C-alpha atoms as a PDB file:
ATOM      1  CA  UNK A   1      -6.689  14.202 -53.896  1.00  0.00           C
ATOM      2  CA  UNK A   2      -5.829  15.775 -57.234  1.00  0.00           C
ATOM      3  CA  UNK A   3      -8.553  13.729 -58.931  1.00  0.00           C
ATOM      4  CA  UNK A   4     -11.078  14.639 -56.224  1.00  0.00           C
ATOM      5  CA  UNK A   5     -10.427  18.362 -56.725  1.00  0.00           C
ATOM      6  CA  UNK A   6     -10.580  17.923 -60.493  1.00  0.00           C
ATOM      7  CA  UNK A   7     -13.949  16.146 -60.266  1.00  0.00           C
ATOM      8  CA  UNK A   8     -15.363  18.914 -58.088  1.00  0.00           C
ATOM      9  CA  UNK A   9     -14.084  21.533 -60.529  1.00  0.00           C
ATOM     10  CA  UNK A  10     -15.673  19.744 -63.500  1.00  0.00           C
ATOM     11  CA  UNK A  11     -19.015  19.529 -61.709  1.00  0.00           C
ATOM     12  CA  UNK A  12     -18.815  23.216 -60.833  1.00  0.00           C
ATOM     13  CA  UNK A  13     -18.082  24.096 -64.451  1.00  0.00           C
ATOM     14  CA  UNK A  14     -21.061  22.035 -65.646  1.00  0.00           C
ATOM     15  CA  UNK A  15     -23.324  23.749 -63.102  1.00  0.00           C
ATOM     16  CA  UNK A  16     -22.448  27.149 -64.594  1.00  0.00           C
ATOM     17  CA  UNK A  17     -22.596  26.345 -68.318  1.00  0.00           C
ATOM     18  CA  UNK A  18     -25.747  28.316 -69.100  1.00  0.00           C
ATOM     19  CA  UNK A  19     -25.029  31.673 -67.438  1.00  0.00           C
ATOM     20  CA  UNK A  20     -21.404  31.416 -66.432  1.00  0.00           C
ATOM     21  CA  UNK A  21     -20.237  32.200 -62.931  1.00  0.00           C
ATOM     22  CA  UNK A  22     -17.366  32.084 -60.480  1.00  0.00           C
ATOM     23  CA  UNK A  23     -15.396  28.997 -59.463  1.00  0.00           C
ATOM     24  CA  UNK A  24     -13.453  29.349 -56.223  1.00  0.00           C
ATOM     25  CA  UNK A  25     -10.898  27.066 -54.545  1.00  0.00           C
ATOM     26  CA  UNK A  26     -10.031  28.018 -50.973  1.00  0.00           C
ATOM     27  CA  UNK A  27      -7.995  26.444 -48.166  1.00  0.00           C
ATOM     28  CA  UNK A  28      -7.769  26.978 -44.442  1.00  0.00           C
ATOM     29  CA  UNK A  29      -6.784  25.174 -41.254  1.00  0.00           C
ATOM     30  CA  UNK A  30      -9.421  24.307 -38.671  1.00  0.00           C
ATOM     31  CA  UNK A  31      -9.273  22.895 -35.174  1.00  0.00           C
ATOM     32  CA  UNK A  32     -12.260  20.737 -34.249  1.00  0.00           C
ATOM     33  CA  UNK A  33     -12.818  20.488 -30.486  1.00  0.00           C
ATOM     34  CA  UNK A  34     -15.447  17.709 -30.437  1.00  0.00           C
ATOM     35  CA  UNK A  35     -16.872  15.113 -32.795  1.00  0.00           C
ATOM     36  CA  UNK A  36     -18.359  16.911 -35.798  1.00  0.00           C
ATOM     37  CA  UNK A  37     -20.930  15.425 -38.171  1.00  0.00           C
ATOM     38  CA  UNK A  38     -20.705  16.535 -41.792  1.00  0.00           C
ATOM     39  CA  UNK A  39     -23.623  14.443 -42.995  1.00  0.00           C
ATOM     40  CA  UNK A  40     -23.356  11.625 -45.546  1.00  0.00           C
ATOM     41  CA  UNK A  41     -21.830   9.301 -42.933  1.00  0.00           C
ATOM     42  CA  UNK A  42     -18.878  11.614 -42.191  1.00  0.00           C
ATOM     43  CA  UNK A  43     -17.976  12.250 -38.554  1.00  0.00           C
ATOM     44  CA  UNK A  44     -14.697  14.043 -37.837  1.00  0.00           C
ATOM     45  CA  UNK A  45     -12.762  13.253 -34.686  1.00  0.00           C
ATOM     46  CA  UNK A  46     -11.400  16.151 -32.644  1.00  0.00           C
ATOM     47  CA  UNK A  47      -8.135  17.499 -34.000  1.00  0.00           C
ATOM     48  CA  UNK A  48      -6.527  19.784 -36.534  1.00  0.00           C
ATOM     49  CA  UNK A  49      -7.686  19.654 -40.160  1.00  0.00           C
ATOM     50  CA  UNK A  50      -6.898  21.262 -43.483  1.00  0.00           C
ATOM     51  CA  UNK A  51     -10.063  22.106 -45.377  1.00  0.00           C
ATOM     52  CA  UNK A  52     -10.242  22.619 -49.128  1.00  0.00           C
ATOM     53  CA  UNK A  53     -13.470  24.115 -50.426  1.00  0.00           C
ATOM     54  CA  UNK A  54     -14.668  24.224 -54.029  1.00  0.00           C
ATOM     55  CA  UNK A  55     -17.481  26.722 -54.640  1.00  0.00           C
ATOM     56  CA  UNK A  56     -19.505  27.738 -57.674  1.00  0.00           C
ATOM     57  CA  UNK A  57     -22.310  30.186 -58.416  1.00  0.00           C
ATOM     58  CA  UNK A  58     -24.268  27.740 -60.562  1.00  0.00           C
ATOM     59  CA  UNK A  59     -27.564  25.900 -60.484  1.00  0.00           C
ATOM     60  CA  UNK A  60     -27.227  24.465 -56.989  1.00  0.00           C
ATOM     61  CA  UNK A  61     -28.421  21.071 -55.703  1.00  0.00           C
ATOM     62  CA  UNK A  62     -31.940  20.310 -54.527  1.00  0.00           C
ATOM     63  CA  UNK A  63     -32.611  18.368 -51.323  1.00  0.00           C
ATOM     64  CA  UNK A  64     -33.690  15.144 -53.044  1.00  0.00           C
ATOM     65  CA  UNK A  65     -30.516  15.032 -55.100  1.00  0.00           C
ATOM     66  CA  UNK A  66     -28.417  15.911 -52.048  1.00  0.00           C
ATOM     67  CA  UNK A  67     -29.400  12.598 -50.446  1.00  0.00           C
ATOM     68  CA  UNK A  68     -27.855  10.581 -53.277  1.00  0.00           C
ATOM     69  CA  UNK A  69     -24.959  12.640 -54.625  1.00  0.00           C
ATOM     70  CA  UNK A  70     -22.179  10.340 -53.359  1.00  0.00           C
ATOM     71  CA  UNK A  71     -23.797   7.113 -54.542  1.00  0.00           C
ATOM     72  CA  UNK A  72     -21.796   5.407 -57.328  1.00  0.00           C
ATOM     73  CA  UNK A  73     -23.415   5.650 -60.769  1.00  0.00           C
ATOM     74  CA  UNK A  74     -25.959   8.258 -59.580  1.00  0.00           C
ATOM     75  CA  UNK A  75     -25.976  11.251 -61.904  1.00  0.00           C
ATOM     76  CA  UNK A  76     -28.315  14.043 -62.924  1.00  0.00           C
ATOM     77  CA  UNK A  77     -26.459  14.609 -66.192  1.00  0.00           C
ATOM     78  CA  UNK A  78     -27.765  13.561 -69.587  1.00  0.00           C
ATOM     79  CA  UNK A  79     -26.912  10.110 -70.870  1.00  0.00           C
ATOM     80  CA  UNK A  80     -23.356  10.061 -72.133  1.00  0.00           C
ATOM     81  CA  UNK A  81     -22.453  13.262 -70.268  1.00  0.00           C
ATOM     82  CA  UNK A  82     -21.321  11.644 -67.006  1.00  0.00           C
ATOM     83  CA  UNK A  83     -20.790   8.308 -65.280  1.00  0.00           C
ATOM     84  CA  UNK A  84     -21.971   9.231 -61.791  1.00  0.00           C
ATOM     85  CA  UNK A  85     -18.553   8.243 -60.412  1.00  0.00           C
ATOM     86  CA  UNK A  86     -16.983  11.663 -59.887  1.00  0.00           C
ATOM     87  CA  UNK A  87     -18.521  12.416 -56.506  1.00  0.00           C
ATOM     88  CA  UNK A  88     -18.221   8.748 -55.488  1.00  0.00           C
ATOM     89  CA  UNK A  89     -14.488   9.170 -56.049  1.00  0.00           C
ATOM     90  CA  UNK A  90     -14.494  12.329 -53.918  1.00  0.00           C
ATOM     91  CA  UNK A  91     -16.286  10.389 -51.168  1.00  0.00           C
ATOM     92  CA  UNK A  92     -13.728   7.571 -51.386  1.00  0.00           C
ATOM     93  CA  UNK A  93     -10.821  10.006 -51.254  1.00  0.00           C
ATOM     94  CA  UNK A  94     -12.129  11.597 -48.057  1.00  0.00           C
ATOM     95  CA  UNK A  95     -12.724   8.185 -46.463  1.00  0.00           C
ATOM     96  CA  UNK A  96      -9.237   6.923 -47.362  1.00  0.00           C
ATOM     97  CA  UNK A  97      -7.676   9.957 -45.711  1.00  0.00           C
ATOM     98  CA  UNK A  98      -9.797   9.607 -42.544  1.00  0.00           C
ATOM     99  CA  UNK A  99     -11.398  12.925 -43.405  1.00  0.00           C
ATOM    100  CA  UNK A 100     -14.768  13.998 -44.707  1.00  0.00           C
ATOM    101  CA  UNK A 101     -16.816  16.047 -47.146  1.00  0.00           C
ATOM    102  CA  UNK A 102     -19.386  18.717 -46.268  1.00  0.00           C
ATOM    103  CA  UNK A 103     -21.862  20.029 -48.848  1.00  0.00           C
ATOM    104  CA  UNK A 104     -23.779  23.305 -48.722  1.00  0.00           C
ATOM    105  CA  UNK A 105     -26.027  24.423 -51.548  1.00  0.00           C
ATOM    106  CA  UNK A 106     -28.698  27.002 -52.323  1.00  0.00           C
ATOM    107  CA  UNK A 107     -30.683  25.960 -55.412  1.00  0.00           C
ATOM    108  CA  UNK A 108     -30.238  28.372 -58.345  1.00  0.00           C
ATOM    109  CA  UNK A 109     -27.529  30.280 -56.469  1.00  0.00           C
ATOM    110  CA  UNK A 110     -24.463  28.437 -55.228  1.00  0.00           C
ATOM    111  CA  UNK A 111     -22.855  25.197 -54.074  1.00  0.00           C
ATOM    112  CA  UNK A 112     -19.812  24.543 -51.892  1.00  0.00           C
ATOM    113  CA  UNK A 113     -18.076  21.215 -51.320  1.00  0.00           C
ATOM    114  CA  UNK A 114     -15.534  21.239 -48.495  1.00  0.00           C
ATOM    115  CA  UNK A 115     -13.002  18.440 -48.086  1.00  0.00           C
ATOM    116  CA  UNK A 116     -11.447  17.934 -44.648  1.00  0.00           C
ATOM    117  CA  UNK A 117      -8.058  16.237 -44.238  1.00  0.00           C
ATOM    118  CA  UNK A 118      -6.554  15.506 -40.806  1.00  0.00           C
ATOM    119  CA  UNK A 119      -3.140  17.048 -40.291  1.00  0.00           C
ATOM    120  CA  UNK A 120      -0.433  14.381 -39.913  1.00  0.00           C
ATOM    121  CA  UNK A 121       1.668  14.742 -36.778  1.00  0.00           C
ATOM    122  CA  UNK A 122       4.152  11.926 -37.422  1.00  0.00           C
ATOM    123  CA  UNK A 123       5.678  10.111 -40.381  1.00  0.00           C
ATOM    124  CA  UNK A 124       3.975   6.717 -40.754  1.00  0.00           C
ATOM    125  CA  UNK A 125       5.387   3.714 -42.597  1.00  0.00           C
ATOM    126  CA  UNK A 126       2.447   2.187 -44.505  1.00  0.00           C
ATOM    127  CA  UNK A 127       4.117  -1.240 -44.406  1.00  0.00           C
ATOM    128  CA  UNK A 128       4.016  -1.231 -40.597  1.00  0.00           C
ATOM    129  CA  UNK A 129       0.422  -0.090 -40.131  1.00  0.00           C
ATOM    130  CA  UNK A 130      -3.049  -0.838 -41.385  1.00  0.00           C
ATOM    131  CA  UNK A 131      -5.122  -3.965 -41.765  1.00  0.00           C
ATOM    132  CA  UNK A 132      -3.093  -5.340 -44.684  1.00  0.00           C
ATOM    133  CA  UNK A 133       0.161  -5.428 -42.725  1.00  0.00           C
ATOM    134  CA  UNK A 134      -1.086  -8.229 -40.446  1.00  0.00           C
ATOM    135  CA  UNK A 135      -1.624 -10.780 -43.202  1.00  0.00           C
ATOM    136  CA  UNK A 136       1.870 -12.206 -43.033  1.00  0.00           C
ATOM    137  CA  UNK A 137       2.520 -11.544 -46.740  1.00  0.00           C
ATOM    138  CA  UNK A 138       4.057  -8.698 -48.683  1.00  0.00           C
ATOM    139  CA  UNK A 139       1.005  -7.311 -50.462  1.00  0.00           C
ATOM    140  CA  UNK A 140       3.035  -4.457 -51.884  1.00  0.00           C
ATOM    141  CA  UNK A 141       4.170  -6.428 -54.951  1.00  0.00           C
ATOM    142  CA  UNK A 142       2.790  -8.348 -57.886  1.00  0.00           C
ATOM    143  CA  UNK A 143       1.222  -7.690 -61.289  1.00  0.00           C
ATOM    144  CA  UNK A 144      -2.541  -7.349 -61.668  1.00  0.00           C
ATOM    145  CA  UNK A 145      -4.496  -7.156 -64.914  1.00  0.00           C
ATOM    146  CA  UNK A 146      -7.626  -4.972 -64.664  1.00  0.00           C
ATOM    147  CA  UNK A 147     -10.198  -5.634 -67.395  1.00  0.00           C
ATOM    148  CA  UNK A 148     -13.013  -3.061 -67.320  1.00  0.00           C
ATOM    149  CA  UNK A 149     -14.730  -1.209 -70.167  1.00  0.00           C
ATOM    150  CA  UNK A 150     -15.872   1.756 -68.026  1.00  0.00           C
ATOM    151  CA  UNK A 151     -12.924   4.161 -68.082  1.00  0.00           C
ATOM    152  CA  UNK A 152     -13.661   5.840 -64.741  1.00  0.00           C
ATOM    153  CA  UNK A 153     -13.974   2.510 -62.897  1.00  0.00           C
ATOM    154  CA  UNK A 154     -10.884   1.137 -64.643  1.00  0.00           C
ATOM    155  CA  UNK A 155      -8.757   4.155 -63.731  1.00  0.00           C
ATOM    156  CA  UNK A 156      -9.978   4.313 -60.133  1.00  0.00           C
ATOM    157  CA  UNK A 157      -9.279   0.609 -59.613  1.00  0.00           C
ATOM    158  CA  UNK A 158      -5.821   0.874 -61.163  1.00  0.00           C
ATOM    159  CA  UNK A 159      -4.918   3.902 -59.038  1.00  0.00           C
ATOM    160  CA  UNK A 160      -6.024   2.113 -55.872  1.00  0.00           C
ATOM    161  CA  UNK A 161      -3.920  -0.946 -56.659  1.00  0.00           C
ATOM    162  CA  UNK A 162      -0.905   1.164 -57.606  1.00  0.00           C
ATOM    163  CA  UNK A 163      -1.202   3.051 -54.319  1.00  0.00           C
ATOM    164  CA  UNK A 164      -0.784  -0.318 -52.573  1.00  0.00           C
ATOM    165  CA  UNK A 165       2.343  -1.089 -54.562  1.00  0.00           C
ATOM    166  CA  UNK A 166       1.016  -3.345 -57.310  1.00  0.00           C
ATOM    167  CA  UNK A 167       2.055  -3.100 -60.927  1.00  0.00           C
ATOM    168  CA  UNK A 168      -1.152  -2.690 -62.935  1.00  0.00           C
ATOM    169  CA  UNK A 169      -1.958  -3.448 -66.555  1.00  0.00           C
ATOM    170  CA  UNK A 170      -5.351  -2.371 -67.907  1.00  0.00           C
ATOM    171  CA  UNK A 171      -7.527  -3.587 -70.776  1.00  0.00           C
ATOM    172  CA  UNK A 172     -10.852  -2.074 -71.788  1.00  0.00           C
ATOM    173  CA  UNK A 173     -12.391  -5.218 -73.322  1.00  0.00           C
ATOM    174  CA  UNK A 174     -12.322  -8.996 -73.122  1.00  0.00           C
ATOM    175  CA  UNK A 175     -10.643  -9.551 -76.495  1.00  0.00           C
ATOM    176  CA  UNK A 176      -7.715  -7.341 -75.515  1.00  0.00           C
ATOM    177  CA  UNK A 177      -7.411  -9.171 -72.181  1.00  0.00           C
ATOM    178  CA  UNK A 178      -7.322 -12.612 -73.809  1.00  0.00           C
ATOM    179  CA  UNK A 179      -4.645 -11.411 -76.224  1.00  0.00           C
ATOM    180  CA  UNK A 180      -2.567  -9.921 -73.404  1.00  0.00           C
ATOM    181  CA  UNK A 181      -2.757 -13.064 -71.262  1.00  0.00           C
ATOM    182  CA  UNK A 182      -1.760 -15.132 -74.293  1.00  0.00           C
ATOM    183  CA  UNK A 183       1.449 -13.124 -74.551  1.00  0.00           C
ATOM    184  CA  UNK A 184       2.166 -12.617 -70.837  1.00  0.00           C
ATOM    185  CA  UNK A 185       0.476 -15.522 -69.029  1.00  0.00           C
ATOM    186  CA  UNK A 186       3.373 -16.158 -66.642  1.00  0.00           C
ATOM    187  CA  UNK A 187       3.790 -12.497 -65.719  1.00  0.00           C
ATOM    188  CA  UNK A 188       0.343 -11.926 -64.172  1.00  0.00           C
ATOM    189  CA  UNK A 189      -0.470 -12.724 -60.534  1.00  0.00           C
ATOM    190  CA  UNK A 190      -4.177 -11.857 -60.618  1.00  0.00           C
ATOM    191  CA  UNK A 191      -6.851 -10.620 -63.003  1.00  0.00           C
ATOM    192  CA  UNK A 192      -9.841  -8.406 -62.151  1.00  0.00           C
ATOM    193  CA  UNK A 193     -12.448  -9.196 -64.778  1.00  0.00           C
ATOM    194  CA  UNK A 194     -15.605  -7.184 -65.385  1.00  0.00           C
ATOM    195  CA  UNK A 195     -18.447  -9.472 -66.455  1.00  0.00           C
ATOM    196  CA  UNK A 196     -20.420  -7.116 -68.714  1.00  0.00           C
ATOM    197  CA  UNK A 197     -18.359  -5.776 -71.611  1.00  0.00           C
ATOM    198  CA  UNK A 198     -18.808  -5.230 -75.339  1.00  0.00           C
ATOM    199  CA  UNK A 199     -17.088  -7.390 -77.973  1.00  0.00           C
ATOM    200  CA  UNK A 200     -16.314 -10.251 -75.570  1.00  0.00           C
ATOM    201  CA  UNK A 201     -18.118 -10.465 -72.235  1.00  0.00           C
ATOM    202  CA  UNK A 202     -16.492 -11.495 -68.979  1.00  0.00           C
ATOM    203  CA  UNK A 203     -17.830 -15.057 -69.003  1.00  0.00           C
ATOM    204  CA  UNK A 204     -16.416 -15.866 -72.443  1.00  0.00           C
ATOM    205  CA  UNK A 205     -13.167 -14.056 -71.679  1.00  0.00           C
ATOM    206  CA  UNK A 206     -12.793 -16.040 -68.438  1.00  0.00           C
ATOM    207  CA  UNK A 207     -12.995 -19.439 -70.136  1.00  0.00           C
ATOM    208  CA  UNK A 208     -10.631 -18.390 -72.939  1.00  0.00           C
ATOM    209  CA  UNK A 209      -8.126 -17.120 -70.369  1.00  0.00           C
ATOM    210  CA  UNK A 210      -8.457 -20.306 -68.306  1.00  0.00           C
ATOM    211  CA  UNK A 211      -7.470 -22.330 -71.374  1.00  0.00           C
ATOM    212  CA  UNK A 212      -4.286 -20.272 -71.544  1.00  0.00           C
ATOM    213  CA  UNK A 213      -3.539 -20.308 -67.798  1.00  0.00           C
ATOM    214  CA  UNK A 214      -5.780 -22.596 -65.686  1.00  0.00           C
ATOM    215  CA  UNK A 215      -4.136 -21.385 -62.464  1.00  0.00           C
ATOM    216  CA  UNK A 216      -4.529 -17.614 -62.899  1.00  0.00           C
ATOM    217  CA  UNK A 217      -6.199 -16.072 -59.831  1.00  0.00           C
ATOM    218  CA  UNK A 218      -9.350 -14.286 -60.987  1.00  0.00           C
ATOM    219  CA  UNK A 219     -11.709 -11.817 -59.335  1.00  0.00           C
ATOM    220  CA  UNK A 220     -15.032 -11.354 -61.096  1.00  0.00           C
ATOM    221  CA  UNK A 221     -16.503  -7.828 -60.967  1.00  0.00           C
ATOM    222  CA  UNK A 222     -20.179  -7.109 -61.527  1.00  0.00           C
ATOM    223  CA  UNK A 223     -22.978  -4.879 -60.326  1.00  0.00           C
ATOM    224  CA  UNK A 224     -25.275  -7.902 -60.247  1.00  0.00           C
ATOM    225  CA  UNK A 225     -25.608 -10.600 -57.603  1.00  0.00           C
ATOM    226  CA  UNK A 226     -23.437 -13.598 -58.549  1.00  0.00           C
ATOM    227  CA  UNK A 227     -25.925 -16.257 -57.434  1.00  0.00           C
ATOM    228  CA  UNK A 228     -26.973 -18.407 -60.369  1.00  0.00           C
ATOM    229  CA  UNK A 229     -25.515 -16.367 -63.203  1.00  0.00           C
ATOM    230  CA  UNK A 230     -21.850 -16.896 -62.350  1.00  0.00           C
ATOM    231  CA  UNK A 231     -22.179 -19.951 -60.090  1.00  0.00           C
ATOM    232  CA  UNK A 232     -20.349 -22.235 -62.507  1.00  0.00           C
ATOM    233  CA  UNK A 233     -17.373 -19.874 -62.639  1.00  0.00           C
ATOM    234  CA  UNK A 234     -17.277 -19.282 -58.884  1.00  0.00           C
ATOM    235  CA  UNK A 235     -17.283 -23.042 -58.301  1.00  0.00           C
ATOM    236  CA  UNK A 236     -13.879 -23.251 -59.951  1.00  0.00           C
ATOM    237  CA  UNK A 237     -10.583 -23.023 -58.138  1.00  0.00           C
ATOM    238  CA  UNK A 238      -8.850 -19.695 -57.495  1.00  0.00           C
ATOM    239  CA  UNK A 239     -11.869 -17.491 -58.244  1.00  0.00           C
ATOM    240  CA  UNK A 240     -13.447 -14.747 -56.110  1.00  0.00           C
ATOM    241  CA  UNK A 241     -16.198 -12.181 -56.636  1.00  0.00           C
ATOM    242  CA  UNK A 242     -16.608  -8.527 -55.715  1.00  0.00           C
ATOM    243  CA  UNK A 243     -19.803  -6.583 -56.363  1.00  0.00           C
ATOM    244  CA  UNK A 244     -19.936  -3.011 -57.647  1.00  0.00           C
ATOM    245  CA  UNK A 245     -19.788  -0.533 -56.104  1.00  0.00           C
ATOM    246  CA  UNK A 246     -16.918  -1.683 -53.889  1.00  0.00           C
ATOM    247  CA  UNK A 247     -14.682   0.144 -51.452  1.00  0.00           C
ATOM    248  CA  UNK A 248     -10.893   0.207 -51.397  1.00  0.00           C
ATOM    249  CA  UNK A 249     -10.861  -2.022 -48.325  1.00  0.00           C
ATOM    250  CA  UNK A 250     -13.188  -4.574 -49.934  1.00  0.00           C
ATOM    251  CA  UNK A 251     -11.020  -4.667 -53.046  1.00  0.00           C
ATOM    252  CA  UNK A 252      -7.740  -5.114 -51.185  1.00  0.00           C
ATOM    253  CA  UNK A 253      -9.201  -7.673 -48.789  1.00  0.00           C
ATOM    254  CA  UNK A 254     -10.529  -9.746 -51.701  1.00  0.00           C
ATOM    255  CA  UNK A 255      -7.181  -9.676 -53.506  1.00  0.00           C
ATOM    256  CA  UNK A 256      -5.250 -10.484 -50.353  1.00  0.00           C
ATOM    257  CA  UNK A 257      -7.560 -13.362 -49.405  1.00  0.00           C
ATOM    258  CA  UNK A 258      -7.490 -14.875 -52.883  1.00  0.00           C
ATOM    259  CA  UNK A 259      -3.720 -14.723 -53.272  1.00  0.00           C
ATOM    260  CA  UNK A 260      -3.170 -16.123 -49.785  1.00  0.00           C
ATOM    261  CA  UNK A 261      -5.551 -19.030 -50.393  1.00  0.00           C
ATOM    262  CA  UNK A 262      -3.929 -19.684 -53.734  1.00  0.00           C
ATOM    263  CA  UNK A 263      -0.436 -19.746 -52.285  1.00  0.00           C
ATOM    264  CA  UNK A 264      -1.535 -22.171 -49.561  1.00  0.00           C
ATOM    265  CA  UNK A 265      -3.100 -24.554 -52.100  1.00  0.00           C
ATOM    266  CA  UNK A 266      -0.263 -24.267 -54.595  1.00  0.00           C
ATOM    267  CA  UNK A 267       2.928 -23.356 -52.740  1.00  0.00           C
END
């Protein structure tokens, strides 16, 4: 939630760079009596919510841009000025909390993003609820190496895994990952390996790592379809693939499935 509010604040600041303006954070409680659509695939169930709005008096958002603002890697900023992942992270935060995001904007005048979070009525033990609790395995342990050169993606992935109880180590290039595995091969349960990186790409890093530890569970990450290009890697044992952009549930399901299959094959 902190990161979501920070991302909204940064966007608001950037929208007011030329003429300045006013940035406002506001909170309130709301009771929703019937299903409420917020747009962008958000529908709130009836109940009590806390809303947090972030408003600015900047350039606003046009209708064409509004249709795509939550898409990962979509950005209207100049090259090198943004990754297009800030609002995708806000979207993911709202989804993970069973809430939503509403957007209102008047071009050249103002924009308001409002996050809705359902009010909790009972304490819930995360180990006793949710889809991951039915897998018959304690998924809230283990060490995962995340290898990703894009800082925003790397940090978001690490935070997601840490929220599920994993210990996470991160590397921002293939050379660093190979070196780390060489020193800590027996301490890693799984590696998430981006396929397109500078210095040493994912393919070359994979085969170097496999020489060090042929049994290390590996999840390939790429924005491209794996058919053909990574077929030889995917044909190997203990390898899975997840395509960018991916959701928290897709990520955790892939990790859980891979580790379960691996433990069954190699008890």
